[in-house]
Protein backbone atom coordinates (compact mmCIF):
# COMPACT_ATOMS: atom_id res chain seq x y z
CA MET A 1 63.94 55.59 28.98
CA ALA A 2 65.80 58.61 27.61
CA PRO A 3 69.26 56.96 27.21
CA LYS A 4 67.70 54.02 25.38
CA LYS A 5 66.12 56.38 22.87
CA LYS A 6 69.48 58.09 22.32
CA ARG A 7 71.14 54.73 21.64
CA ARG A 8 68.47 53.87 19.11
CA ARG A 9 69.03 57.17 17.33
CA VAL A 10 72.79 56.68 17.15
CA GLU A 11 72.65 53.17 15.65
CA PRO A 12 70.64 54.00 12.49
CA ASN A 13 72.88 57.02 11.87
CA LYS A 14 75.89 54.73 11.92
CA THR A 15 74.28 52.31 9.48
CA ILE A 16 73.30 55.18 7.19
CA SER A 17 76.84 56.58 7.24
CA ASN A 18 78.22 53.11 6.46
CA LYS A 19 75.80 52.79 3.55
CA THR A 20 76.80 56.18 2.17
CA GLU A 21 80.48 55.25 2.48
CA THR A 22 79.93 52.01 0.56
CA LEU A 23 77.94 53.92 -2.05
CA LYS A 24 80.81 56.40 -2.44
CA ILE A 25 83.26 53.50 -2.83
CA ASN A 26 80.99 51.85 -5.39
CA THR A 27 80.59 55.06 -7.40
CA THR A 28 84.35 55.71 -7.43
CA SER A 29 85.05 52.13 -8.53
CA ASP A 30 82.39 52.46 -11.25
CA ILE A 31 83.97 55.72 -12.46
CA LEU A 32 87.42 54.12 -12.51
CA SER A 33 86.13 51.08 -14.39
CA ASN A 34 84.40 53.37 -16.91
CA ILE A 35 87.63 55.34 -17.41
CA PHE A 36 89.61 52.15 -17.95
CA GLN A 37 87.01 50.86 -20.40
CA PHE A 38 87.21 54.18 -22.28
CA LEU A 39 91.01 53.96 -22.37
CA ASP A 40 90.83 50.37 -23.60
CA ARG A 41 88.46 51.42 -26.39
CA ASN A 42 90.79 54.22 -27.42
CA GLU A 43 93.74 51.83 -27.51
CA ILE A 44 91.74 49.37 -29.62
CA GLU A 45 90.78 52.15 -32.04
CA LYS A 46 94.44 53.27 -32.30
CA SER A 47 95.59 49.72 -33.00
CA GLN A 48 92.95 49.39 -35.76
CA LEU A 49 94.22 52.60 -37.35
């Protein structure tokens, strides 16, 4: 019984770590997209000037 319990504990930890990794990737991509949008806005403002 004990080894089965250990296996069950390990699996959810793996899924949680995978979720956190995907969240980190999503946040970094969001930050990058926001930066690029900001740069695009600045370029548009410069062209209007």
